[in-house]
PDB file of N, CA and C in Angstrom:
ATOM      1  N   MET A   1      15.136  24.429 -24.205  1.00  0.00           N
ATOM      2  CA  MET A   1      14.597  23.088 -24.100  1.00  0.00           C
ATOM      3  C   MET A   1      13.487  22.927 -25.133  1.00  0.00           C
ATOM      4  N   SER A   2      13.531  21.855 -25.909  1.00  0.00           N
ATOM      5  CA  SER A   2      12.483  21.616 -26.904  1.00  0.00           C
ATOM      6  C   SER A   2      11.259  21.014 -26.216  1.00  0.00           C
ATOM      7  N   LEU A   3      10.144  21.051 -26.934  1.00  0.00           N
ATOM      8  CA  LEU A   3       8.927  20.456 -26.379  1.00  0.00           C
ATOM      9  C   LEU A   3       9.078  18.959 -26.169  1.00  0.00           C
ATOM     10  N   LEU A   4       9.929  18.317 -26.997  1.00  0.00           N
ATOM     11  CA  LEU A   4      10.129  16.873 -26.840  1.00  0.00           C
ATOM     12  C   LEU A   4      10.977  16.549 -25.618  1.00  0.00           C
ATOM     13  N   GLN A   5      11.603  17.564 -25.027  1.00  0.00           N
ATOM     14  CA  GLN A   5      12.387  17.354 -23.808  1.00  0.00           C
ATOM     15  C   GLN A   5      11.740  18.054 -22.622  1.00  0.00           C
ATOM     16  N   SER A   6      10.510  18.501 -22.776  1.00  0.00           N
ATOM     17  CA  SER A   6       9.821  19.247 -21.728  1.00  0.00           C
ATOM     18  C   SER A   6       9.488  18.335 -20.549  1.00  0.00           C
ATOM     19  N   PRO A   7       9.271  18.944 -19.384  1.00  0.00           N
ATOM     20  CA  PRO A   7       8.870  18.136 -18.223  1.00  0.00           C
ATOM     21  C   PRO A   7       7.597  17.331 -18.488  1.00  0.00           C
ATOM     22  N   GLY A   8       6.652  17.904 -19.254  1.00  0.00           N
ATOM     23  CA  GLY A   8       5.416  17.178 -19.559  1.00  0.00           C
ATOM     24  C   GLY A   8       5.673  15.933 -20.380  1.00  0.00           C
ATOM     25  N   HIS A   9       6.559  16.051 -21.351  1.00  0.00           N
ATOM     26  CA  HIS A   9       6.923  14.908 -22.203  1.00  0.00           C
ATOM     27  C   HIS A   9       7.604  13.827 -21.359  1.00  0.00           C
ATOM     28  N   ALA A  10       8.548  14.254 -20.537  1.00  0.00           N
ATOM     29  CA  ALA A  10       9.272  13.305 -19.682  1.00  0.00           C
ATOM     30  C   ALA A  10       8.337  12.657 -18.670  1.00  0.00           C
ATOM     31  N   LEU A  11       7.380  13.427 -18.154  1.00  0.00           N
ATOM     32  CA  LEU A  11       6.440  12.873 -17.187  1.00  0.00           C
ATOM     33  C   LEU A  11       5.556  11.811 -17.837  1.00  0.00           C
ATOM     34  N   LEU A  12       5.123  12.060 -19.063  1.00  0.00           N
ATOM     35  CA  LEU A  12       4.330  11.054 -19.774  1.00  0.00           C
ATOM     36  C   LEU A  12       5.132   9.767 -19.978  1.00  0.00           C
ATOM     37  N   GLN A  13       6.402   9.902 -20.302  1.00  0.00           N
ATOM     38  CA  GLN A  13       7.247   8.723 -20.454  1.00  0.00           C
ATOM     39  C   GLN A  13       7.366   7.972 -19.129  1.00  0.00           C
ATOM     40  N   ARG A  14       7.480   8.709 -18.037  1.00  0.00           N
ATOM     41  CA  ARG A  14       7.586   8.060 -16.722  1.00  0.00           C
ATOM     42  C   ARG A  14       6.268   7.390 -16.335  1.00  0.00           C
ATOM     43  N   LEU A  15       5.140   8.002 -16.699  1.00  0.00           N
ATOM     44  CA  LEU A  15       3.843   7.383 -16.443  1.00  0.00           C
ATOM     45  C   LEU A  15       3.728   6.065 -17.210  1.00  0.00           C
ATOM     46  N   MET A  16       4.189   6.067 -18.454  1.00  0.00           N
ATOM     47  CA  MET A  16       4.168   4.831 -19.239  1.00  0.00           C
ATOM     48  C   MET A  16       5.084   3.785 -18.615  1.00  0.00           C
ATOM     49  N   SER A  17       6.226   4.202 -18.127  1.00  0.00           N
ATOM     50  CA  SER A  17       7.150   3.280 -17.475  1.00  0.00           C
ATOM     51  C   SER A  17       6.520   2.687 -16.207  1.00  0.00           C
ATOM     52  N   ALA A  18       5.809   3.523 -15.460  1.00  0.00           N
ATOM     53  CA  ALA A  18       5.148   3.029 -14.239  1.00  0.00           C
ATOM     54  C   ALA A  18       4.071   2.008 -14.577  1.00  0.00           C
ATOM     55  N   THR A  19       3.344   2.217 -15.693  1.00  0.00           N
ATOM     56  CA  THR A  19       2.327   1.224 -16.067  1.00  0.00           C
ATOM     57  C   THR A  19       2.979  -0.085 -16.490  1.00  0.00           C
ATOM     58  N   THR A  20       4.153   0.004 -17.107  1.00  0.00           N
ATOM     59  CA  THR A  20       4.879  -1.215 -17.472  1.00  0.00           C
ATOM     60  C   THR A  20       5.320  -1.955 -16.212  1.00  0.00           C
ATOM     61  N   GLN A  21       5.805  -1.210 -15.231  1.00  0.00           N
ATOM     62  CA  GLN A  21       6.197  -1.817 -13.955  1.00  0.00           C
ATOM     63  C   GLN A  21       4.979  -2.425 -13.264  1.00  0.00           C
ATOM     64  N   ARG A  22       3.842  -1.720 -13.308  1.00  0.00           N
ATOM     65  CA  ARG A  22       2.614  -2.237 -12.683  1.00  0.00           C
ATOM     66  C   ARG A  22       2.167  -3.525 -13.367  1.00  0.00           C
ATOM     67  N   ARG A  23       2.274  -3.579 -14.700  1.00  0.00           N
ATOM     68  CA  ARG A  23       1.920  -4.811 -15.431  1.00  0.00           C
ATOM     69  C   ARG A  23       2.742  -5.986 -14.924  1.00  0.00           C
ATOM     70  N   ASP A  24       4.040  -5.765 -14.718  1.00  0.00           N
ATOM     71  CA  ASP A  24       4.921  -6.829 -14.236  1.00  0.00           C
ATOM     72  C   ASP A  24       4.550  -7.257 -12.815  1.00  0.00           C
ATOM     73  N   VAL A  25       4.169  -6.300 -11.979  1.00  0.00           N
ATOM     74  CA  VAL A  25       3.770  -6.625 -10.603  1.00  0.00           C
ATOM     75  C   VAL A  25       2.461  -7.400 -10.603  1.00  0.00           C
ATOM     76  N   ILE A  26       1.526  -7.011 -11.458  1.00  0.00           N
ATOM     77  CA  ILE A  26       0.263  -7.749 -11.568  1.00  0.00           C
ATOM     78  C   ILE A  26       0.533  -9.176 -12.034  1.00  0.00           C
ATOM     79  N   ALA A  27       1.428  -9.338 -12.991  1.00  0.00           N
ATOM     80  CA  ALA A  27       1.783 -10.685 -13.465  1.00  0.00           C
ATOM     81  C   ALA A  27       2.381 -11.513 -12.329  1.00  0.00           C
ATOM     82  N   MET A  28       3.197 -10.869 -11.484  1.00  0.00           N
ATOM     83  CA  MET A  28       3.770 -11.569 -10.330  1.00  0.00           C
ATOM     84  C   MET A  28       2.662 -11.975  -9.352  1.00  0.00           C
ATOM     85  N   ASN A  29       1.683 -11.100  -9.171  1.00  0.00           N
ATOM     86  CA  ASN A  29       0.553 -11.428  -8.299  1.00  0.00           C
ATOM     87  C   ASN A  29      -0.174 -12.670  -8.810  1.00  0.00           C
ATOM     88  N   VAL A  30      -0.472 -12.676 -10.100  1.00  0.00           N
ATOM     89  CA  VAL A  30      -1.197 -13.812 -10.690  1.00  0.00           C
ATOM     90  C   VAL A  30      -0.372 -15.087 -10.559  1.00  0.00           C
ATOM     91  N   ALA A  31       0.927 -14.989 -10.814  1.00  0.00           N
ATOM     92  CA  ALA A  31       1.792 -16.166 -10.715  1.00  0.00           C
ATOM     93  C   ALA A  31       1.883 -16.681  -9.284  1.00  0.00           C
ATOM     94  N   SER A  32       1.620 -15.816  -8.317  1.00  0.00           N
ATOM     95  CA  SER A  32       1.749 -16.181  -6.903  1.00  0.00           C
ATOM     96  C   SER A  32       0.408 -16.451  -6.231  1.00  0.00           C
ATOM     97  N   GLN A  33      -0.660 -16.565  -7.028  1.00  0.00           N
ATOM     98  CA  GLN A  33      -1.997 -16.690  -6.439  1.00  0.00           C
ATOM     99  C   GLN A  33      -2.209 -17.966  -5.627  1.00  0.00           C
ATOM    100  N   ASN A  34      -1.367 -18.965  -5.801  1.00  0.00           N
ATOM    101  CA  ASN A  34      -1.511 -20.200  -5.033  1.00  0.00           C
ATOM    102  C   ASN A  34      -0.428 -20.377  -3.979  1.00  0.00           C
ATOM    103  N   MET A  35       0.354 -19.310  -3.758  1.00  0.00           N
ATOM    104  CA  MET A  35       1.440 -19.370  -2.776  1.00  0.00           C
ATOM    105  C   MET A  35       0.900 -18.939  -1.403  1.00  0.00           C
ATOM    106  N   PRO A  36       0.870 -19.852  -0.440  1.00  0.00           N
ATOM    107  CA  PRO A  36       0.365 -19.492   0.890  1.00  0.00           C
ATOM    108  C   PRO A  36       1.139 -18.306   1.480  1.00  0.00           C
ATOM    109  N   GLY A  37       0.369 -17.369   2.051  1.00  0.00           N
ATOM    110  CA  GLY A  37       0.979 -16.224   2.717  1.00  0.00           C
ATOM    111  C   GLY A  37       1.349 -15.063   1.807  1.00  0.00           C
ATOM    112  N   TYR A  38       1.221 -15.231   0.502  1.00  0.00           N
ATOM    113  CA  TYR A  38       1.596 -14.148  -0.416  1.00  0.00           C
ATOM    114  C   TYR A  38       0.555 -13.034  -0.352  1.00  0.00           C
ATOM    115  N   ARG A  39       1.026 -11.811  -0.201  1.00  0.00           N
ATOM    116  CA  ARG A  39       0.158 -10.634  -0.225  1.00  0.00           C
ATOM    117  C   ARG A  39       0.343  -9.929  -1.564  1.00  0.00           C
ATOM    118  N   ARG A  40      -0.782  -9.601  -2.188  1.00  0.00           N
ATOM    119  CA  ARG A  40      -0.708  -8.922  -3.479  1.00  0.00           C
ATOM    120  C   ARG A  40       0.042  -7.603  -3.343  1.00  0.00           C
ATOM    121  N   ARG A  41       0.609  -7.181  -4.444  1.00  0.00           N
ATOM    122  CA  ARG A  41       1.357  -5.942  -4.480  1.00  0.00           C
ATOM    123  C   ARG A  41       0.787  -5.052  -5.576  1.00  0.00           C
ATOM    124  N   ASP A  42       1.080  -3.763  -5.466  1.00  0.00           N
ATOM    125  CA  ASP A  42       0.661  -2.812  -6.486  1.00  0.00           C
ATOM    126  C   ASP A  42       1.725  -1.740  -6.609  1.00  0.00           C
ATOM    127  N   VAL A  43       1.674  -0.995  -7.695  1.00  0.00           N
ATOM    128  CA  VAL A  43       2.618   0.094  -7.928  1.00  0.00           C
ATOM    129  C   VAL A  43       1.872   1.410  -7.724  1.00  0.00           C
ATOM    130  N   GLU A  44       2.362   2.217  -6.816  1.00  0.00           N
ATOM    131  CA  GLU A  44       1.819   3.558  -6.587  1.00  0.00           C
ATOM    132  C   GLU A  44       2.674   4.554  -7.332  1.00  0.00           C
ATOM    133  N   PHE A  45       2.086   5.340  -8.191  1.00  0.00           N
ATOM    134  CA  PHE A  45       2.817   6.414  -8.853  1.00  0.00           C
ATOM    135  C   PHE A  45       1.881   7.597  -9.112  1.00  0.00           C
ATOM    136  N   GLU A  46       0.765   7.349  -9.782  1.00  0.00           N
ATOM    137  CA  GLU A  46      -0.147   8.440 -10.093  1.00  0.00           C
ATOM    138  C   GLU A  46      -0.610   9.152  -8.820  1.00  0.00           C
ATOM    139  N   ARG A  47      -0.955   8.375  -7.796  1.00  0.00           N
ATOM    140  CA  ARG A  47      -1.398   8.989  -6.534  1.00  0.00           C
ATOM    141  C   ARG A  47      -0.286   9.819  -5.908  1.00  0.00           C
ATOM    142  N   LEU A  48       0.951   9.329  -5.994  1.00  0.00           N
ATOM    143  CA  LEU A  48       2.086  10.084  -5.446  1.00  0.00           C
ATOM    144  C   LEU A  48       2.252  11.407  -6.186  1.00  0.00           C
ATOM    145  N   LEU A  49       2.061  11.386  -7.501  1.00  0.00           N
ATOM    146  CA  LEU A  49       2.146  12.619  -8.285  1.00  0.00           C
ATOM    147  C   LEU A  49       1.041  13.598  -7.903  1.00  0.00           C
ATOM    148  N   VAL A  50      -0.185  13.093  -7.794  1.00  0.00           N
ATOM    149  CA  VAL A  50      -1.317  13.951  -7.431  1.00  0.00           C
ATOM    150  C   VAL A  50      -1.095  14.554  -6.051  1.00  0.00           C
ATOM    151  N   ASP A  51      -0.650  13.744  -5.096  1.00  0.00           N
ATOM    152  CA  ASP A  51      -0.379  14.256  -3.748  1.00  0.00           C
ATOM    153  C   ASP A  51       0.672  15.363  -3.783  1.00  0.00           C
ATOM    154  N   ALA A  52       1.722  15.162  -4.576  1.00  0.00           N
ATOM    155  CA  ALA A  52       2.784  16.168  -4.689  1.00  0.00           C
ATOM    156  C   ALA A  52       2.243  17.449  -5.323  1.00  0.00           C
ATOM    157  N   MET A  53       1.424  17.306  -6.358  1.00  0.00           N
ATOM    158  CA  MET A  53       0.843  18.493  -6.995  1.00  0.00           C
ATOM    159  C   MET A  53      -0.089  19.224  -6.041  1.00  0.00           C
ATOM    160  N   ASP A  54      -0.855  18.474  -5.242  1.00  0.00           N
ATOM    161  CA  ASP A  54      -1.745  19.094  -4.255  1.00  0.00           C
ATOM    162  C   ASP A  54      -0.959  19.884  -3.216  1.00  0.00           C
ATOM    163  N   ARG A  55       0.265  19.452  -2.954  1.00  0.00           N
ATOM    164  CA  ARG A  55       1.118  20.170  -1.997  1.00  0.00           C
ATOM    165  C   ARG A  55       1.836  21.351  -2.654  1.00  0.00           C
ATOM    166  N   GLY A  56       1.627  21.545  -3.962  1.00  0.00           N
ATOM    167  CA  GLY A  56       2.237  22.667  -4.668  1.00  0.00           C
ATOM    168  C   GLY A  56       3.651  22.410  -5.144  1.00  0.00           C
ATOM    169  N   THR A  57       4.027  21.146  -5.298  1.00  0.00           N
ATOM    170  CA  THR A  57       5.366  20.810  -5.776  1.00  0.00           C
ATOM    171  C   THR A  57       5.544  21.353  -7.190  1.00  0.00           C
ATOM    172  N   PRO A  58       6.648  22.059  -7.463  1.00  0.00           N
ATOM    173  CA  PRO A  58       6.888  22.575  -8.813  1.00  0.00           C
ATOM    174  C   PRO A  58       7.030  21.433  -9.822  1.00  0.00           C
ATOM    175  N   PRO A  59       6.606  21.668 -11.078  1.00  0.00           N
ATOM    176  CA  PRO A  59       6.636  20.606 -12.098  1.00  0.00           C
ATOM    177  C   PRO A  59       7.998  19.932 -12.242  1.00  0.00           C
ATOM    178  N   GLU A  60       9.081  20.684 -12.198  1.00  0.00           N
ATOM    179  CA  GLU A  60      10.402  20.073 -12.368  1.00  0.00           C
ATOM    180  C   GLU A  60      10.758  19.139 -11.209  1.00  0.00           C
ATOM    181  N   ARG A  61      10.185  19.367 -10.041  1.00  0.00           N
ATOM    182  CA  ARG A  61      10.448  18.497  -8.882  1.00  0.00           C
ATOM    183  C   ARG A  61       9.637  17.208  -8.942  1.00  0.00           C
ATOM    184  N   LEU A  62       8.585  17.196  -9.750  1.00  0.00           N
ATOM    185  CA  LEU A  62       7.786  15.971  -9.903  1.00  0.00           C
ATOM    186  C   LEU A  62       8.621  14.842 -10.494  1.00  0.00           C
ATOM    187  N   MET A  63       9.663  15.214 -11.243  1.00  0.00           N
ATOM    188  CA  MET A  63      10.517  14.207 -11.864  1.00  0.00           C
ATOM    189  C   MET A  63      11.317  13.412 -10.825  1.00  0.00           C
ATOM    190  N   GLU A  64      11.371  13.899  -9.605  1.00  0.00           N
ATOM    191  CA  GLU A  64      12.101  13.202  -8.546  1.00  0.00           C
ATOM    192  C   GLU A  64      11.274  12.090  -7.908  1.00  0.00           C
ATOM    193  N   ILE A  65       9.985  12.072  -8.188  1.00  0.00           N
ATOM    194  CA  ILE A  65       9.094  11.065  -7.601  1.00  0.00           C
ATOM    195  C   ILE A  65       9.267   9.756  -8.357  1.00  0.00           C
ATOM    196  N   GLU A  66       9.434   8.690  -7.617  1.00  0.00           N
ATOM    197  CA  GLU A  66       9.637   7.358  -8.196  1.00  0.00           C
ATOM    198  C   GLU A  66       8.433   6.465  -7.895  1.00  0.00           C
ATOM    199  N   PRO A  67       8.083   5.576  -8.823  1.00  0.00           N
ATOM    200  CA  PRO A  67       7.032   4.593  -8.539  1.00  0.00           C
ATOM    201  C   PRO A  67       7.453   3.708  -7.363  1.00  0.00           C
ATOM    202  N   GLU A  68       6.485   3.314  -6.561  1.00  0.00           N
ATOM    203  CA  GLU A  68       6.766   2.480  -5.392  1.00  0.00           C
ATOM    204  C   GLU A  68       5.941   1.201  -5.454  1.00  0.00           C
ATOM    205  N   VAL A  69       6.610   0.066  -5.317  1.00  0.00           N
ATOM    206  CA  VAL A  69       5.895  -1.202  -5.196  1.00  0.00           C
ATOM    207  C   VAL A  69       5.519  -1.347  -3.730  1.00  0.00           C
ATOM    208  N   GLN A  70       4.220  -1.494  -3.491  1.00  0.00           N
ATOM    209  CA  GLN A  70       3.727  -1.577  -2.118  1.00  0.00           C
ATOM    210  C   GLN A  70       2.914  -2.851  -1.918  1.00  0.00           C
ATOM    211  N   ILE A  71       3.046  -3.408  -0.731  1.00  0.00           N
ATOM    212  CA  ILE A  71       2.236  -4.568  -0.362  1.00  0.00           C
ATOM    213  C   ILE A  71       0.843  -4.074   0.012  1.00  0.00           C
ATOM    214  N   ASP A  72      -0.166  -4.719  -0.528  1.00  0.00           N
ATOM    215  CA  ASP A  72      -1.556  -4.355  -0.272  1.00  0.00           C
ATOM    216  C   ASP A  72      -2.037  -5.107   0.973  1.00  0.00           C
ATOM    217  N   TRP A  73      -1.999  -4.410   2.095  1.00  0.00           N
ATOM    218  CA  TRP A  73      -2.435  -5.028   3.356  1.00  0.00           C
ATOM    219  C   TRP A  73      -3.946  -4.910   3.537  1.00  0.00           C
ATOM    220  N   ALA A  74      -4.606  -4.077   2.726  1.00  0.00           N
ATOM    221  CA  ALA A  74      -6.044  -3.856   2.883  1.00  0.00           C
ATOM    222  C   ALA A  74      -6.884  -4.971   2.269  1.00  0.00           C
ATOM    223  N   SER A  75      -6.367  -5.648   1.260  1.00  0.00           N
ATOM    224  CA  SER A  75      -7.132  -6.720   0.620  1.00  0.00           C
ATOM    225  C   SER A  75      -7.266  -7.904   1.557  1.00  0.00           C
ATOM    226  N   GLU A  76      -8.455  -8.455   1.573  1.00  0.00           N
ATOM    227  CA  GLU A  76      -8.728  -9.599   2.441  1.00  0.00           C
ATOM    228  C   GLU A  76      -7.985 -10.833   1.947  1.00  0.00           C
ATOM    229  N   ALA A  77      -7.395 -11.551   2.883  1.00  0.00           N
ATOM    230  CA  ALA A  77      -6.660 -12.775   2.548  1.00  0.00           C
ATOM    231  C   ALA A  77      -7.552 -13.998   2.771  1.00  0.00           C
ATOM    232  N   ARG A  78      -7.252 -15.042   2.009  1.00  0.00           N
ATOM    233  CA  ARG A  78      -7.940 -16.322   2.207  1.00  0.00           C
ATOM    234  C   ARG A  78      -7.386 -16.996   3.463  1.00  0.00           C
ATOM    235  N   ALA A  79      -7.889 -18.156   3.745  1.00  0.00           N
ATOM    236  CA  ALA A  79      -7.448 -18.900   4.926  1.00  0.00           C
ATOM    237  C   ALA A  79      -5.954 -19.206   4.895  1.00  0.00           C
ATOM    238  N   ASP A  80      -5.383 -19.357   3.687  1.00  0.00           N
ATOM    239  CA  ASP A  80      -3.951 -19.668   3.596  1.00  0.00           C
ATOM    240  C   ASP A  80      -3.076 -18.407   3.646  1.00  0.00           C
ATOM    241  N   GLY A  81      -3.717 -17.233   3.837  1.00  0.00           N
ATOM    242  CA  GLY A  81      -2.971 -15.985   3.949  1.00  0.00           C
ATOM    243  C   GLY A  81      -2.706 -15.289   2.627  1.00  0.00           C
ATOM    244  N   ASN A  82      -3.117 -15.889   1.515  1.00  0.00           N
ATOM    245  CA  ASN A  82      -2.893 -15.294   0.202  1.00  0.00           C
ATOM    246  C   ASN A  82      -4.024 -14.309  -0.093  1.00  0.00           C
ATOM    247  N   SER A  83      -3.677 -13.125  -0.582  1.00  0.00           N
ATOM    248  CA  SER A  83      -4.699 -12.097  -0.840  1.00  0.00           C
ATOM    249  C   SER A  83      -4.931 -11.817  -2.323  1.00  0.00           C
ATOM    250  N   VAL A  84      -4.427 -12.674  -3.200  1.00  0.00           N
ATOM    251  CA  VAL A  84      -4.596 -12.462  -4.639  1.00  0.00           C
ATOM    252  C   VAL A  84      -5.969 -12.973  -5.076  1.00  0.00           C
ATOM    253  N   ASP A  85      -6.713 -12.115  -5.758  1.00  0.00           N
ATOM    254  CA  ASP A  85      -7.993 -12.474  -6.361  1.00  0.00           C
ATOM    255  C   ASP A  85      -7.785 -12.365  -7.876  1.00  0.00           C
ATOM    256  N   ALA A  86      -7.811 -13.489  -8.573  1.00  0.00           N
ATOM    257  CA  ALA A  86      -7.497 -13.518  -9.999  1.00  0.00           C
ATOM    258  C   ALA A  86      -8.407 -12.589 -10.809  1.00  0.00           C
ATOM    259  N   GLU A  87      -9.680 -12.508 -10.456  1.00  0.00           N
ATOM    260  CA  GLU A  87     -10.597 -11.619 -11.176  1.00  0.00           C
ATOM    261  C   GLU A  87     -10.211 -10.160 -10.980  1.00  0.00           C
ATOM    262  N   ARG A  88      -9.847  -9.812  -9.770  1.00  0.00           N
ATOM    263  CA  ARG A  88      -9.427  -8.433  -9.493  1.00  0.00           C
ATOM    264  C   ARG A  88      -8.147  -8.107 -10.261  1.00  0.00           C
ATOM    265  N   GLU A  89      -7.211  -9.026 -10.280  1.00  0.00           N
ATOM    266  CA  GLU A  89      -5.952  -8.793 -10.992  1.00  0.00           C
ATOM    267  C   GLU A  89      -6.210  -8.622 -12.485  1.00  0.00           C
ATOM    268  N   SER A  90      -7.155  -9.388 -13.015  1.00  0.00           N
ATOM    269  CA  SER A  90      -7.509  -9.268 -14.424  1.00  0.00           C
ATOM    270  C   SER A  90      -8.088  -7.881 -14.709  1.00  0.00           C
ATOM    271  N   ALA A  91      -8.957  -7.402 -13.826  1.00  0.00           N
ATOM    272  CA  ALA A  91      -9.527  -6.062 -13.979  1.00  0.00           C
ATOM    273  C   ALA A  91      -8.443  -4.992 -13.860  1.00  0.00           C
ATOM    274  N   MET A  92      -7.514  -5.176 -12.922  1.00  0.00           N
ATOM    275  CA  MET A  92      -6.413  -4.227 -12.746  1.00  0.00           C
ATOM    276  C   MET A  92      -5.535  -4.197 -13.995  1.00  0.00           C
ATOM    277  N   LEU A  93      -5.334  -5.356 -14.595  1.00  0.00           N
ATOM    278  CA  LEU A  93      -4.520  -5.442 -15.811  1.00  0.00           C
ATOM    279  C   LEU A  93      -5.188  -4.683 -16.958  1.00  0.00           C
ATOM    280  N   ARG A  94      -6.500  -4.833 -17.088  1.00  0.00           N
ATOM    281  CA  ARG A  94      -7.235  -4.110 -18.138  1.00  0.00           C
ATOM    282  C   ARG A  94      -7.166  -2.599 -17.903  1.00  0.00           C
ATOM    283  N   GLU A  95      -7.381  -2.175 -16.664  1.00  0.00           N
ATOM    284  CA  GLU A  95      -7.306  -0.750 -16.328  1.00  0.00           C
ATOM    285  C   GLU A  95      -5.909  -0.206 -16.608  1.00  0.00           C
ATOM    286  N   ASN A  96      -4.905  -0.965 -16.251  1.00  0.00           N
ATOM    287  CA  ASN A  96      -3.527  -0.545 -16.468  1.00  0.00           C
ATOM    288  C   ASN A  96      -3.220  -0.414 -17.958  1.00  0.00           C
ATOM    289  N   ARG A  97      -3.729  -1.339 -18.771  1.00  0.00           N
ATOM    290  CA  ARG A  97      -3.527  -1.265 -20.220  1.00  0.00           C
ATOM    291  C   ARG A  97      -4.166  -0.009 -20.790  1.00  0.00           C
ATOM    292  N   ILE A  98      -5.359   0.324 -20.299  1.00  0.00           N
ATOM    293  CA  ILE A  98      -6.047   1.535 -20.761  1.00  0.00           C
ATOM    294  C   ILE A  98      -5.229   2.773 -20.392  1.00  0.00           C
ATOM    295  N   ARG A  99      -4.680   2.798 -19.189  1.00  0.00           N
ATOM    296  CA  ARG A  99      -3.827   3.924 -18.783  1.00  0.00           C
ATOM    297  C   ARG A  99      -2.630   4.048 -19.724  1.00  0.00           C
ATOM    298  N   PHE A 100      -1.968   2.919 -19.997  1.00  0.00           N
ATOM    299  CA  PHE A 100      -0.801   2.952 -20.876  1.00  0.00           C
ATOM    300  C   PHE A 100      -1.186   3.499 -22.250  1.00  0.00           C
ATOM    301  N   GLU A 101      -2.291   2.995 -22.795  1.00  0.00           N
ATOM    302  CA  GLU A 101      -2.731   3.450 -24.114  1.00  0.00           C
ATOM    303  C   GLU A 101      -3.077   4.936 -24.103  1.00  0.00           C
ATOM    304  N   LEU A 102      -3.676   5.416 -23.029  1.00  0.00           N
ATOM    305  CA  LEU A 102      -3.989   6.839 -22.906  1.00  0.00           C
ATOM    306  C   LEU A 102      -2.709   7.672 -22.877  1.00  0.00           C
ATOM    307  N   TYR A 103      -1.758   7.286 -22.038  1.00  0.00           N
ATOM    308  CA  TYR A 103      -0.494   8.028 -21.956  1.00  0.00           C
ATOM    309  C   TYR A 103       0.233   8.006 -23.305  1.00  0.00           C
ATOM    310  N   ALA A 104       0.224   6.857 -23.965  1.00  0.00           N
ATOM    311  CA  ALA A 104       0.887   6.748 -25.269  1.00  0.00           C
ATOM    312  C   ALA A 104       0.202   7.638 -26.305  1.00  0.00           C
ATOM    313  N   ALA A 105      -1.125   7.702 -26.287  1.00  0.00           N
ATOM    314  CA  ALA A 105      -1.852   8.548 -27.235  1.00  0.00           C
ATOM    315  C   ALA A 105      -1.559  10.022 -26.991  1.00  0.00           C
ATOM    316  N   ILE A 106      -1.511  10.423 -25.739  1.00  0.00           N
ATOM    317  CA  ILE A 106      -1.192  11.821 -25.423  1.00  0.00           C
ATOM    318  C   ILE A 106       0.227  12.147 -25.869  1.00  0.00           C
ATOM    319  N   LEU A 107       1.152  11.257 -25.576  1.00  0.00           N
ATOM    320  CA  LEU A 107       2.543  11.470 -25.963  1.00  0.00           C
ATOM    321  C   LEU A 107       2.676  11.550 -27.482  1.00  0.00           C
ATOM    322  N   SER A 108       2.006  10.670 -28.182  1.00  0.00           N
ATOM    323  CA  SER A 108       2.039  10.672 -29.641  1.00  0.00           C
ATOM    324  C   SER A 108       1.435  11.963 -30.192  1.00  0.00           C
ATOM    325  N   GLY A 109       0.332  12.388 -29.616  1.00  0.00           N
ATOM    326  CA  GLY A 109      -0.307  13.630 -30.055  1.00  0.00           C
ATOM    327  C   GLY A 109       0.595  14.832 -29.853  1.00  0.00           C
ATOM    328  N   ARG A 110       1.261  14.885 -28.714  1.00  0.00           N
ATOM    329  CA  ARG A 110       2.200  15.989 -28.440  1.00  0.00           C
ATOM    330  C   ARG A 110       3.344  15.960 -29.444  1.00  0.00           C
ATOM    331  N   SER A 111       3.882  14.787 -29.705  1.00  0.00           N
ATOM    332  CA  SER A 111       5.000  14.657 -30.644  1.00  0.00           C
ATOM    333  C   SER A 111       4.571  15.057 -32.051  1.00  0.00           C
ATOM    334  N   ASN A 112       3.379  14.646 -32.465  1.00  0.00           N
ATOM    335  CA  ASN A 112       2.870  15.003 -33.791  1.00  0.00           C
ATOM    336  C   ASN A 112       2.655  16.507 -33.907  1.00  0.00           C
ATOM    337  N   LEU A 113       2.161  17.118 -32.844  1.00  0.00           N
ATOM    338  CA  LEU A 113       1.944  18.558 -32.840  1.00  0.00           C
ATOM    339  C   LEU A 113       3.265  19.305 -33.025  1.00  0.00           C
ATOM    340  N   VAL A 114       4.300  18.884 -32.316  1.00  0.00           N
ATOM    341  CA  VAL A 114       5.622  19.501 -32.440  1.00  0.00           C
ATOM    342  C   VAL A 114       6.162  19.282 -33.854  1.00  0.00           C
ATOM    343  N   ARG A 115       6.031  18.067 -34.358  1.00  0.00           N
ATOM    344  CA  ARG A 115       6.516  17.749 -35.691  1.00  0.00           C
ATOM    345  C   ARG A 115       5.827  18.622 -36.742  1.00  0.00           C
ATOM    346  N   GLN A 116       4.520  18.785 -36.605  1.00  0.00           N
ATOM    347  CA  GLN A 116       3.767  19.633 -37.546  1.00  0.00           C
ATOM    348  C   GLN A 116       4.223  21.084 -37.449  1.00  0.00           C
ATOM    349  N   ALA A 117       4.436  21.557 -36.259  1.00  0.00           N
ATOM    350  CA  ALA A 117       4.876  22.941 -36.072  1.00  0.00           C
ATOM    351  C   ALA A 117       6.243  23.175 -36.692  1.00  0.00           C
ATOM    352  N   LEU A 118       7.110  22.192 -36.615  1.00  0.00           N
ATOM    353  CA  LEU A 118       8.454  22.336 -37.143  1.00  0.00           C
ATOM    354  C   LEU A 118       8.512  22.223 -38.662  1.00  0.00           C
ATOM    355  N   THR A 119       7.551  21.527 -39.253  1.00  0.00           N
ATOM    356  CA  THR A 119       7.605  21.284 -40.696  1.00  0.00           C
ATOM    357  C   THR A 119       6.584  22.094 -41.472  1.00  0.00           C
ATOM    358  N   SER A 120       5.764  22.882 -40.800  1.00  0.00           N
ATOM    359  CA  SER A 120       4.732  23.638 -41.512  1.00  0.00           C
ATOM    360  C   SER A 120       5.346  24.788 -42.296  1.00  0.00           C
ATOM    361  N   ASP A 121       4.686  25.128 -43.407  1.00  0.00           N
ATOM    362  CA  ASP A 121       5.116  26.277 -44.208  1.00  0.00           C
ATOM    363  C   ASP A 121       4.704  27.552 -43.483  1.00  0.00           C
ATOM    364  N   ARG A 122       5.571  28.490 -43.524  1.00  0.00           N
ATOM    365  CA  ARG A 122       5.262  29.749 -42.837  1.00  0.00           C
ATOM    366  C   ARG A 122       5.025  30.830 -43.828  1.00  0.00           C
TER     367      ARG A 122
END
């Protein structure tokens, strides 16, 4: 298995995919901020990975974990039952973008390292 096909590489790609899914869910939250009864949603993935690692799950089994869209029942709802706070969603969007950029930078760095190793003079 090459480094570009390693579990770490694949996990970084899945983390980036989860942030893309989270961006779409946040956009849905914002679009639904005036819909009575709508409860905001979020994507859980990083926490699921950390929980699995804390339980000693082997790295190759981490690939079986899927992002989950969950309804946020903890956020306080307005009188109309809607729990979307536009400012909070904006902050979540910024945090999510930073996560994506971090994962992309790590992935790019790993790929560049492999590329350099393969093309270096020996």
